C-alpha atoms as a PDB file:
ATOM      1  CA  UNK A   1     -68.313 -37.639 118.953  1.00  0.00           C
ATOM      2  CA  UNK A   2     -68.519 -33.916 118.177  1.00  0.00           C
ATOM      3  CA  UNK A   3     -66.314 -31.728 120.351  1.00  0.00           C
ATOM      4  CA  UNK A   4     -68.302 -29.414 122.621  1.00  0.00           C
ATOM      5  CA  UNK A   5     -67.867 -25.761 121.830  1.00  0.00           C
ATOM      6  CA  UNK A   6     -66.212 -23.660 124.474  1.00  0.00           C
ATOM      7  CA  UNK A   7     -66.481 -19.917 124.863  1.00  0.00           C
ATOM      8  CA  UNK A   8     -65.084 -17.227 127.110  1.00  0.00           C
ATOM      9  CA  UNK A   9     -67.507 -15.737 129.609  1.00  0.00           C
ATOM     10  CA  UNK A  10     -69.641 -13.178 127.756  1.00  0.00           C
ATOM     11  CA  UNK A  11     -71.552 -10.263 129.310  1.00  0.00           C
ATOM     12  CA  UNK A  12     -74.214  -8.252 127.475  1.00  0.00           C
ATOM     13  CA  UNK A  13     -75.063  -4.711 128.634  1.00  0.00           C
ATOM     14  CA  UNK A  14     -78.450  -3.223 127.661  1.00  0.00           C
ATOM     15  CA  UNK A  15     -79.397   0.361 128.624  1.00  0.00           C
ATOM     16  CA  UNK A  16     -83.177   0.886 128.837  1.00  0.00           C
ATOM     17  CA  UNK A  17     -85.784   3.549 129.447  1.00  0.00           C
ATOM     18  CA  UNK A  18     -89.440   2.729 128.799  1.00  0.00           C
ATOM     19  CA  UNK A  19     -88.705  -0.219 126.500  1.00  0.00           C
ATOM     20  CA  UNK A  20     -91.131  -2.799 127.943  1.00  0.00           C
ATOM     21  CA  UNK A  21     -92.837  -3.828 124.659  1.00  0.00           C
ATOM     22  CA  UNK A  22     -89.523  -4.003 122.780  1.00  0.00           C
ATOM     23  CA  UNK A  23     -87.885  -6.369 125.255  1.00  0.00           C
ATOM     24  CA  UNK A  24     -90.089  -9.232 124.003  1.00  0.00           C
ATOM     25  CA  UNK A  25     -88.186  -8.994 120.704  1.00  0.00           C
ATOM     26  CA  UNK A  26     -84.726  -8.650 122.233  1.00  0.00           C
ATOM     27  CA  UNK A  27     -84.157 -10.652 125.413  1.00  0.00           C
ATOM     28  CA  UNK A  28     -85.485 -14.055 124.246  1.00  0.00           C
ATOM     29  CA  UNK A  29     -83.232 -13.881 121.172  1.00  0.00           C
ATOM     30  CA  UNK A  30     -79.933 -13.384 122.953  1.00  0.00           C
ATOM     31  CA  UNK A  31     -77.832 -16.488 122.103  1.00  0.00           C
ATOM     32  CA  UNK A  32     -77.212 -19.112 124.750  1.00  0.00           C
ATOM     33  CA  UNK A  33     -73.437 -18.561 124.505  1.00  0.00           C
ATOM     34  CA  UNK A  34     -73.989 -15.378 126.570  1.00  0.00           C
ATOM     35  CA  UNK A  35     -73.145 -15.882 130.252  1.00  0.00           C
ATOM     36  CA  UNK A  36     -74.828 -12.857 131.834  1.00  0.00           C
ATOM     37  CA  UNK A  37     -77.195 -10.071 130.801  1.00  0.00           C
ATOM     38  CA  UNK A  38     -77.072  -6.732 132.569  1.00  0.00           C
ATOM     39  CA  UNK A  39     -79.987  -4.361 132.098  1.00  0.00           C
ATOM     40  CA  UNK A  40     -79.409  -0.774 133.233  1.00  0.00           C
ATOM     41  CA  UNK A  41     -82.734   0.994 133.647  1.00  0.00           C
ATOM     42  CA  UNK A  42     -82.878   4.766 133.382  1.00  0.00           C
ATOM     43  CA  UNK A  43     -85.969   5.761 135.384  1.00  0.00           C
ATOM     44  CA  UNK A  44     -88.536   3.878 133.302  1.00  0.00           C
ATOM     45  CA  UNK A  45     -92.150   4.798 134.007  1.00  0.00           C
ATOM     46  CA  UNK A  46     -93.528   1.682 132.331  1.00  0.00           C
ATOM     47  CA  UNK A  47     -92.990  -1.956 133.350  1.00  0.00           C
ATOM     48  CA  UNK A  48     -89.595  -2.356 131.662  1.00  0.00           C
ATOM     49  CA  UNK A  49     -87.964  -3.978 134.682  1.00  0.00           C
ATOM     50  CA  UNK A  50     -90.920  -6.261 135.408  1.00  0.00           C
ATOM     51  CA  UNK A  51     -91.041  -7.468 131.792  1.00  0.00           C
ATOM     52  CA  UNK A  52     -87.284  -8.063 131.775  1.00  0.00           C
ATOM     53  CA  UNK A  53     -87.469 -10.209 134.902  1.00  0.00           C
ATOM     54  CA  UNK A  54     -90.459 -12.091 133.542  1.00  0.00           C
ATOM     55  CA  UNK A  55     -88.619 -12.897 130.329  1.00  0.00           C
ATOM     56  CA  UNK A  56     -85.272 -13.655 131.994  1.00  0.00           C
ATOM     57  CA  UNK A  57     -85.516 -14.338 135.731  1.00  0.00           C
ATOM     58  CA  UNK A  58     -81.713 -14.374 136.063  1.00  0.00           C
ATOM     59  CA  UNK A  59     -81.206 -10.956 134.457  1.00  0.00           C
ATOM     60  CA  UNK A  60     -79.094  -8.511 136.481  1.00  0.00           C
ATOM     61  CA  UNK A  61     -80.971  -5.197 136.806  1.00  0.00           C
ATOM     62  CA  UNK A  62     -79.255  -1.953 137.770  1.00  0.00           C
ATOM     63  CA  UNK A  63     -81.223   1.233 138.441  1.00  0.00           C
ATOM     64  CA  UNK A  64     -79.605   4.472 137.332  1.00  0.00           C
ATOM     65  CA  UNK A  65     -79.361   7.334 139.798  1.00  0.00           C
ATOM     66  CA  UNK A  66     -78.344   9.706 137.001  1.00  0.00           C
ATOM     67  CA  UNK A  67     -79.473   9.922 133.376  1.00  0.00           C
ATOM     68  CA  UNK A  68     -78.177   9.147 129.891  1.00  0.00           C
ATOM     69  CA  UNK A  69     -76.793   6.295 127.827  1.00  0.00           C
ATOM     70  CA  UNK A  70     -73.195   7.040 128.737  1.00  0.00           C
ATOM     71  CA  UNK A  71     -73.957   6.822 132.435  1.00  0.00           C
ATOM     72  CA  UNK A  72     -75.925   3.587 131.858  1.00  0.00           C
ATOM     73  CA  UNK A  73     -73.024   1.960 130.031  1.00  0.00           C
ATOM     74  CA  UNK A  74     -70.569   3.072 132.701  1.00  0.00           C
ATOM     75  CA  UNK A  75     -72.670   1.341 135.343  1.00  0.00           C
ATOM     76  CA  UNK A  76     -73.195  -1.738 133.196  1.00  0.00           C
ATOM     77  CA  UNK A  77     -69.509  -2.127 132.367  1.00  0.00           C
ATOM     78  CA  UNK A  78     -68.593  -1.876 136.049  1.00  0.00           C
ATOM     79  CA  UNK A  79     -70.992  -4.719 136.871  1.00  0.00           C
ATOM     80  CA  UNK A  80     -69.764  -7.092 134.144  1.00  0.00           C
ATOM     81  CA  UNK A  81     -67.930 -10.265 135.110  1.00  0.00           C
ATOM     82  CA  UNK A  82     -67.340 -11.536 131.572  1.00  0.00           C
ATOM     83  CA  UNK A  83     -64.110 -11.833 129.577  1.00  0.00           C
ATOM     84  CA  UNK A  84     -65.991 -10.263 126.655  1.00  0.00           C
ATOM     85  CA  UNK A  85     -68.495  -7.394 126.889  1.00  0.00           C
ATOM     86  CA  UNK A  86     -71.173  -6.736 124.262  1.00  0.00           C
ATOM     87  CA  UNK A  87     -73.209  -3.524 123.937  1.00  0.00           C
ATOM     88  CA  UNK A  88     -76.692  -3.723 122.403  1.00  0.00           C
ATOM     89  CA  UNK A  89     -79.815  -1.554 122.456  1.00  0.00           C
ATOM     90  CA  UNK A  90     -83.205  -2.415 123.953  1.00  0.00           C
ATOM     91  CA  UNK A  91     -85.400  -0.959 121.206  1.00  0.00           C
ATOM     92  CA  UNK A  92     -85.000  -3.890 118.805  1.00  0.00           C
ATOM     93  CA  UNK A  93     -82.713  -2.018 116.408  1.00  0.00           C
ATOM     94  CA  UNK A  94     -79.654  -4.161 117.176  1.00  0.00           C
ATOM     95  CA  UNK A  95     -80.175  -7.830 116.345  1.00  0.00           C
ATOM     96  CA  UNK A  96     -79.007 -10.130 119.182  1.00  0.00           C
ATOM     97  CA  UNK A  97     -78.589 -12.853 116.580  1.00  0.00           C
ATOM     98  CA  UNK A  98     -75.488 -11.020 115.343  1.00  0.00           C
ATOM     99  CA  UNK A  99     -73.652 -11.461 118.645  1.00  0.00           C
ATOM    100  CA  UNK A 100     -71.792 -14.628 117.480  1.00  0.00           C
ATOM    101  CA  UNK A 101     -70.403 -12.633 114.544  1.00  0.00           C
ATOM    102  CA  UNK A 102     -68.900 -10.103 116.953  1.00  0.00           C
ATOM    103  CA  UNK A 103     -67.536 -12.838 119.217  1.00  0.00           C
ATOM    104  CA  UNK A 104     -65.876 -14.590 116.277  1.00  0.00           C
ATOM    105  CA  UNK A 105     -64.179 -11.335 115.317  1.00  0.00           C
ATOM    106  CA  UNK A 106     -62.666 -11.043 118.793  1.00  0.00           C
ATOM    107  CA  UNK A 107     -61.578 -14.687 118.809  1.00  0.00           C
ATOM    108  CA  UNK A 108     -59.761 -14.074 115.529  1.00  0.00           C
ATOM    109  CA  UNK A 109     -57.303 -11.835 117.372  1.00  0.00           C
ATOM    110  CA  UNK A 110     -58.969  -8.433 117.631  1.00  0.00           C
ATOM    111  CA  UNK A 111     -59.420  -6.375 120.781  1.00  0.00           C
ATOM    112  CA  UNK A 112     -62.508  -4.459 119.669  1.00  0.00           C
ATOM    113  CA  UNK A 113     -65.289  -5.544 117.282  1.00  0.00           C
ATOM    114  CA  UNK A 114     -66.999  -2.397 116.019  1.00  0.00           C
ATOM    115  CA  UNK A 115     -70.398  -2.680 114.375  1.00  0.00           C
ATOM    116  CA  UNK A 116     -70.879  -0.830 111.093  1.00  0.00           C
ATOM    117  CA  UNK A 117     -73.975  -0.250 109.010  1.00  0.00           C
ATOM    118  CA  UNK A 118     -71.957   1.115 106.113  1.00  0.00           C
ATOM    119  CA  UNK A 119     -69.678  -1.707 105.000  1.00  0.00           C
ATOM    120  CA  UNK A 120     -70.476  -4.714 102.830  1.00  0.00           C
ATOM    121  CA  UNK A 121     -73.317  -6.818 104.291  1.00  0.00           C
ATOM    122  CA  UNK A 122     -74.248  -4.018 106.707  1.00  0.00           C
ATOM    123  CA  UNK A 123     -77.240  -1.700 106.422  1.00  0.00           C
ATOM    124  CA  UNK A 124     -79.914   0.291 108.215  1.00  0.00           C
ATOM    125  CA  UNK A 125     -83.698   0.294 108.116  1.00  0.00           C
ATOM    126  CA  UNK A 126     -83.887   3.008 110.733  1.00  0.00           C
ATOM    127  CA  UNK A 127     -81.467   5.871 110.083  1.00  0.00           C
ATOM    128  CA  UNK A 128     -82.904   9.052 108.556  1.00  0.00           C
ATOM    129  CA  UNK A 129     -81.180  10.960 105.718  1.00  0.00           C
ATOM    130  CA  UNK A 130     -80.219  13.846 108.007  1.00  0.00           C
ATOM    131  CA  UNK A 131     -78.787  11.484 110.650  1.00  0.00           C
ATOM    132  CA  UNK A 132     -76.931   9.556 107.953  1.00  0.00           C
ATOM    133  CA  UNK A 133     -75.408  12.772 106.623  1.00  0.00           C
ATOM    134  CA  UNK A 134     -74.419  13.888 110.109  1.00  0.00           C
ATOM    135  CA  UNK A 135     -72.878  10.508 110.907  1.00  0.00           C
ATOM    136  CA  UNK A 136     -70.887  10.629 107.673  1.00  0.00           C
ATOM    137  CA  UNK A 137     -69.571  14.114 108.399  1.00  0.00           C
ATOM    138  CA  UNK A 138     -68.617  13.297 111.984  1.00  0.00           C
ATOM    139  CA  UNK A 139     -66.992  10.033 110.884  1.00  0.00           C
ATOM    140  CA  UNK A 140     -64.876  11.878 108.322  1.00  0.00           C
ATOM    141  CA  UNK A 141     -63.845  14.429 110.942  1.00  0.00           C
ATOM    142  CA  UNK A 142     -62.673  11.667 113.300  1.00  0.00           C
ATOM    143  CA  UNK A 143     -60.848   9.936 110.454  1.00  0.00           C
ATOM    144  CA  UNK A 144     -58.983  13.141 109.619  1.00  0.00           C
ATOM    145  CA  UNK A 145     -58.211  14.115 113.220  1.00  0.00           C
ATOM    146  CA  UNK A 146     -57.082  10.674 114.391  1.00  0.00           C
ATOM    147  CA  UNK A 147     -55.839   8.972 111.229  1.00  0.00           C
ATOM    148  CA  UNK A 148     -58.333   6.121 111.448  1.00  0.00           C
ATOM    149  CA  UNK A 149     -60.752   4.734 108.851  1.00  0.00           C
ATOM    150  CA  UNK A 150     -64.101   4.364 110.585  1.00  0.00           C
ATOM    151  CA  UNK A 151     -67.077   3.861 108.297  1.00  0.00           C
ATOM    152  CA  UNK A 152     -69.717   4.311 111.032  1.00  0.00           C
ATOM    153  CA  UNK A 153     -68.933   6.473 114.047  1.00  0.00           C
ATOM    154  CA  UNK A 154     -72.305   6.737 115.798  1.00  0.00           C
ATOM    155  CA  UNK A 155     -73.455   3.130 116.132  1.00  0.00           C
ATOM    156  CA  UNK A 156     -73.738   1.430 119.492  1.00  0.00           C
ATOM    157  CA  UNK A 157     -73.360  -2.254 118.604  1.00  0.00           C
ATOM    158  CA  UNK A 158     -69.871  -3.198 119.784  1.00  0.00           C
ATOM    159  CA  UNK A 159     -68.042  -6.022 121.555  1.00  0.00           C
ATOM    160  CA  UNK A 160     -64.639  -6.021 123.210  1.00  0.00           C
ATOM    161  CA  UNK A 161     -62.340  -7.874 125.564  1.00  0.00           C
ATOM    162  CA  UNK A 162     -62.592  -6.816 129.179  1.00  0.00           C
ATOM    163  CA  UNK A 163     -59.105  -5.278 129.246  1.00  0.00           C
ATOM    164  CA  UNK A 164     -60.374  -2.567 126.868  1.00  0.00           C
ATOM    165  CA  UNK A 165     -62.198  -0.975 129.812  1.00  0.00           C
ATOM    166  CA  UNK A 166     -58.835   0.438 130.876  1.00  0.00           C
ATOM    167  CA  UNK A 167     -58.781   2.461 127.654  1.00  0.00           C
ATOM    168  CA  UNK A 168     -62.464   3.388 127.452  1.00  0.00           C
ATOM    169  CA  UNK A 169     -62.943   4.994 130.884  1.00  0.00           C
ATOM    170  CA  UNK A 170     -66.428   6.350 130.168  1.00  0.00           C
ATOM    171  CA  UNK A 171     -66.746   9.875 131.557  1.00  0.00           C
ATOM    172  CA  UNK A 172     -69.673  11.248 129.567  1.00  0.00           C
ATOM    173  CA  UNK A 173     -73.404  10.741 130.080  1.00  0.00           C
ATOM    174  CA  UNK A 174     -75.177  10.947 126.706  1.00  0.00           C
ATOM    175  CA  UNK A 175     -75.289   9.355 123.255  1.00  0.00           C
ATOM    176  CA  UNK A 176     -71.825  10.757 122.557  1.00  0.00           C
ATOM    177  CA  UNK A 177     -70.522   7.759 124.520  1.00  0.00           C
ATOM    178  CA  UNK A 178     -70.287   5.676 121.324  1.00  0.00           C
ATOM    179  CA  UNK A 179     -67.957   8.234 119.741  1.00  0.00           C
ATOM    180  CA  UNK A 180     -65.916   8.506 122.937  1.00  0.00           C
ATOM    181  CA  UNK A 181     -65.405   4.738 123.044  1.00  0.00           C
ATOM    182  CA  UNK A 182     -64.408   4.525 119.375  1.00  0.00           C
ATOM    183  CA  UNK A 183     -61.860   7.319 119.686  1.00  0.00           C
ATOM    184  CA  UNK A 184     -60.298   6.083 122.927  1.00  0.00           C
ATOM    185  CA  UNK A 185     -59.982   2.510 121.693  1.00  0.00           C
ATOM    186  CA  UNK A 186     -58.014   3.848 118.730  1.00  0.00           C
ATOM    187  CA  UNK A 187     -55.876   6.176 120.861  1.00  0.00           C
ATOM    188  CA  UNK A 188     -54.931   3.187 123.047  1.00  0.00           C
ATOM    189  CA  UNK A 189     -53.505   1.414 119.956  1.00  0.00           C
ATOM    190  CA  UNK A 190     -55.863  -1.530 120.326  1.00  0.00           C
ATOM    191  CA  UNK A 191     -56.632  -3.819 117.398  1.00  0.00           C
ATOM    192  CA  UNK A 192     -60.008  -2.933 115.858  1.00  0.00           C
ATOM    193  CA  UNK A 193     -62.111  -4.689 113.225  1.00  0.00           C
ATOM    194  CA  UNK A 194     -65.370  -3.420 111.772  1.00  0.00           C
ATOM    195  CA  UNK A 195     -68.180  -5.965 111.664  1.00  0.00           C
ATOM    196  CA  UNK A 196     -71.161  -5.639 109.293  1.00  0.00           C
ATOM    197  CA  UNK A 197     -74.442  -5.119 111.113  1.00  0.00           C
ATOM    198  CA  UNK A 198     -78.034  -4.574 109.991  1.00  0.00           C
ATOM    199  CA  UNK A 199     -79.818  -1.912 112.018  1.00  0.00           C
ATOM    200  CA  UNK A 200     -83.512  -2.719 112.326  1.00  0.00           C
ATOM    201  CA  UNK A 201     -86.257  -0.114 112.849  1.00  0.00           C
ATOM    202  CA  UNK A 202     -87.345   0.692 116.396  1.00  0.00           C
ATOM    203  CA  UNK A 203     -90.394  -1.441 117.147  1.00  0.00           C
ATOM    204  CA  UNK A 204     -92.325   0.569 119.739  1.00  0.00           C
ATOM    205  CA  UNK A 205     -92.015   4.004 121.320  1.00  0.00           C
ATOM    206  CA  UNK A 206     -89.965   7.038 120.394  1.00  0.00           C
ATOM    207  CA  UNK A 207     -86.208   7.311 120.034  1.00  0.00           C
ATOM    208  CA  UNK A 208     -84.455   9.175 122.833  1.00  0.00           C
ATOM    209  CA  UNK A 209     -81.843  10.484 120.390  1.00  0.00           C
ATOM    210  CA  UNK A 210     -82.199  14.122 119.322  1.00  0.00           C
ATOM    211  CA  UNK A 211     -80.352  14.702 116.061  1.00  0.00           C
ATOM    212  CA  UNK A 212     -79.004  18.218 116.504  1.00  0.00           C
ATOM    213  CA  UNK A 213     -78.591  18.230 120.282  1.00  0.00           C
ATOM    214  CA  UNK A 214     -76.760  14.912 120.343  1.00  0.00           C
ATOM    215  CA  UNK A 215     -74.823  15.727 117.164  1.00  0.00           C
ATOM    216  CA  UNK A 216     -73.474  18.814 118.918  1.00  0.00           C
ATOM    217  CA  UNK A 217     -72.473  16.712 121.922  1.00  0.00           C
ATOM    218  CA  UNK A 218     -70.632  14.285 119.613  1.00  0.00           C
ATOM    219  CA  UNK A 219     -68.787  17.164 117.955  1.00  0.00           C
ATOM    220  CA  UNK A 220     -67.681  18.524 121.335  1.00  0.00           C
ATOM    221  CA  UNK A 221     -66.356  15.104 122.346  1.00  0.00           C
ATOM    222  CA  UNK A 222     -64.379  14.830 119.104  1.00  0.00           C
ATOM    223  CA  UNK A 223     -62.741  18.220 119.666  1.00  0.00           C
ATOM    224  CA  UNK A 224     -62.053  17.469 123.325  1.00  0.00           C
ATOM    225  CA  UNK A 225     -60.407  14.116 122.523  1.00  0.00           C
ATOM    226  CA  UNK A 226     -58.381  15.642 119.690  1.00  0.00           C
ATOM    227  CA  UNK A 227     -56.557  17.870 122.141  1.00  0.00           C
ATOM    228  CA  UNK A 228     -56.322  15.492 125.090  1.00  0.00           C
ATOM    229  CA  UNK A 229     -53.843  12.721 125.724  1.00  0.00           C
ATOM    230  CA  UNK A 230     -54.499   9.160 126.807  1.00  0.00           C
ATOM    231  CA  UNK A 231     -51.805   7.206 128.643  1.00  0.00           C
ATOM    232  CA  UNK A 232     -50.970   3.826 127.062  1.00  0.00           C
ATOM    233  CA  UNK A 233     -52.439   0.641 128.436  1.00  0.00           C
ATOM    234  CA  UNK A 234     -50.225  -1.370 130.788  1.00  0.00           C
ATOM    235  CA  UNK A 235     -50.500  -4.330 128.392  1.00  0.00           C
ATOM    236  CA  UNK A 236     -50.356  -4.504 124.574  1.00  0.00           C
ATOM    237  CA  UNK A 237     -53.250  -5.603 122.379  1.00  0.00           C
ATOM    238  CA  UNK A 238     -54.453  -8.953 123.640  1.00  0.00           C
ATOM    239  CA  UNK A 239     -55.252 -11.930 121.437  1.00  0.00           C
ATOM    240  CA  UNK A 240     -57.589 -14.757 122.341  1.00  0.00           C
ATOM    241  CA  UNK A 241     -54.627 -17.073 122.962  1.00  0.00           C
ATOM    242  CA  UNK A 242     -53.249 -14.836 125.717  1.00  0.00           C
ATOM    243  CA  UNK A 243     -56.576 -15.165 127.523  1.00  0.00           C
ATOM    244  CA  UNK A 244     -55.999 -18.919 127.733  1.00  0.00           C
ATOM    245  CA  UNK A 245     -58.683 -19.460 125.109  1.00  0.00           C
ATOM    246  CA  UNK A 246     -56.575 -20.993 122.356  1.00  0.00           C
ATOM    247  CA  UNK A 247     -58.856 -24.039 122.168  1.00  0.00           C
ATOM    248  CA  UNK A 248     -62.061 -22.070 121.774  1.00  0.00           C
ATOM    249  CA  UNK A 249     -64.122 -22.954 118.739  1.00  0.00           C
ATOM    250  CA  UNK A 250     -65.620 -19.879 117.037  1.00  0.00           C
ATOM    251  CA  UNK A 251     -69.259 -19.132 117.841  1.00  0.00           C
ATOM    252  CA  UNK A 252     -70.245 -19.815 114.252  1.00  0.00           C
ATOM    253  CA  UNK A 253     -68.698 -22.142 111.719  1.00  0.00           C
ATOM    254  CA  UNK A 254     -69.234 -19.532 109.016  1.00  0.00           C
ATOM    255  CA  UNK A 255     -66.550 -17.110 110.223  1.00  0.00           C
ATOM    256  CA  UNK A 256     -64.841 -17.289 106.844  1.00  0.00           C
ATOM    257  CA  UNK A 257     -67.899 -15.658 105.248  1.00  0.00           C
ATOM    258  CA  UNK A 258     -68.073 -12.855 107.793  1.00  0.00           C
ATOM    259  CA  UNK A 259     -66.868  -9.639 106.220  1.00  0.00           C
ATOM    260  CA  UNK A 260     -64.705  -7.704 108.679  1.00  0.00           C
ATOM    261  CA  UNK A 261     -62.800  -4.590 107.831  1.00  0.00           C
ATOM    262  CA  UNK A 262     -59.446  -4.250 109.579  1.00  0.00           C
ATOM    263  CA  UNK A 263     -58.782  -0.617 110.390  1.00  0.00           C
ATOM    264  CA  UNK A 264     -55.460   1.034 109.737  1.00  0.00           C
ATOM    265  CA  UNK A 265     -54.307   2.374 113.086  1.00  0.00           C
END
């Protein structure tokens, strides 16, 4: 008799604003190993919330009082009950089918599984040349300032153990939140692994990201974090075993073929 697979409790956080048509290509494809899905809606004027509840009656919907992706993630993280938290987008660009790959990376002893479009087996069908150039430049700046080796700074597909929230402490409102998280995870001396991810093109609607405005906000966050200090976490980097999950079977049996890049911290 085949042993039943066991997993930690997994929460998925999805910020949205006017993403109703895209949700049909996201929510139904979230793997069954996920325990809860939290949708944070940022003042949608379409039927985003109604479509979400139609597709997943048990979805947890939070309505933003403020604006921005950073604020949405802050609210979503606070509502999570899972041992593992996954961040994905609602526009169809992040493939929910990759979630097991991120979970496996955490179960292999990492604190933070960081999606990357620019390592082997990763890629993007959405990023423009100017955004790619900006991402490269900002990534190199972070690598120089903080002594890390990130290949993809401005990508929002990540997964992490719940204890990482102590290090992240989101206190920004916009798209710069992804950079903030990546820097603070490193500053807290947590164990990071990059995970290859394929970014798909947005299906419907217009991107909320504005290249130069949001690039400037990312640059300001980098400079701010360079000259600020972060107190250490009360506990060291946590492996799956210390969560009482030593008998968990990885989410996919193909973990050996998953290409992860361990970062030099």
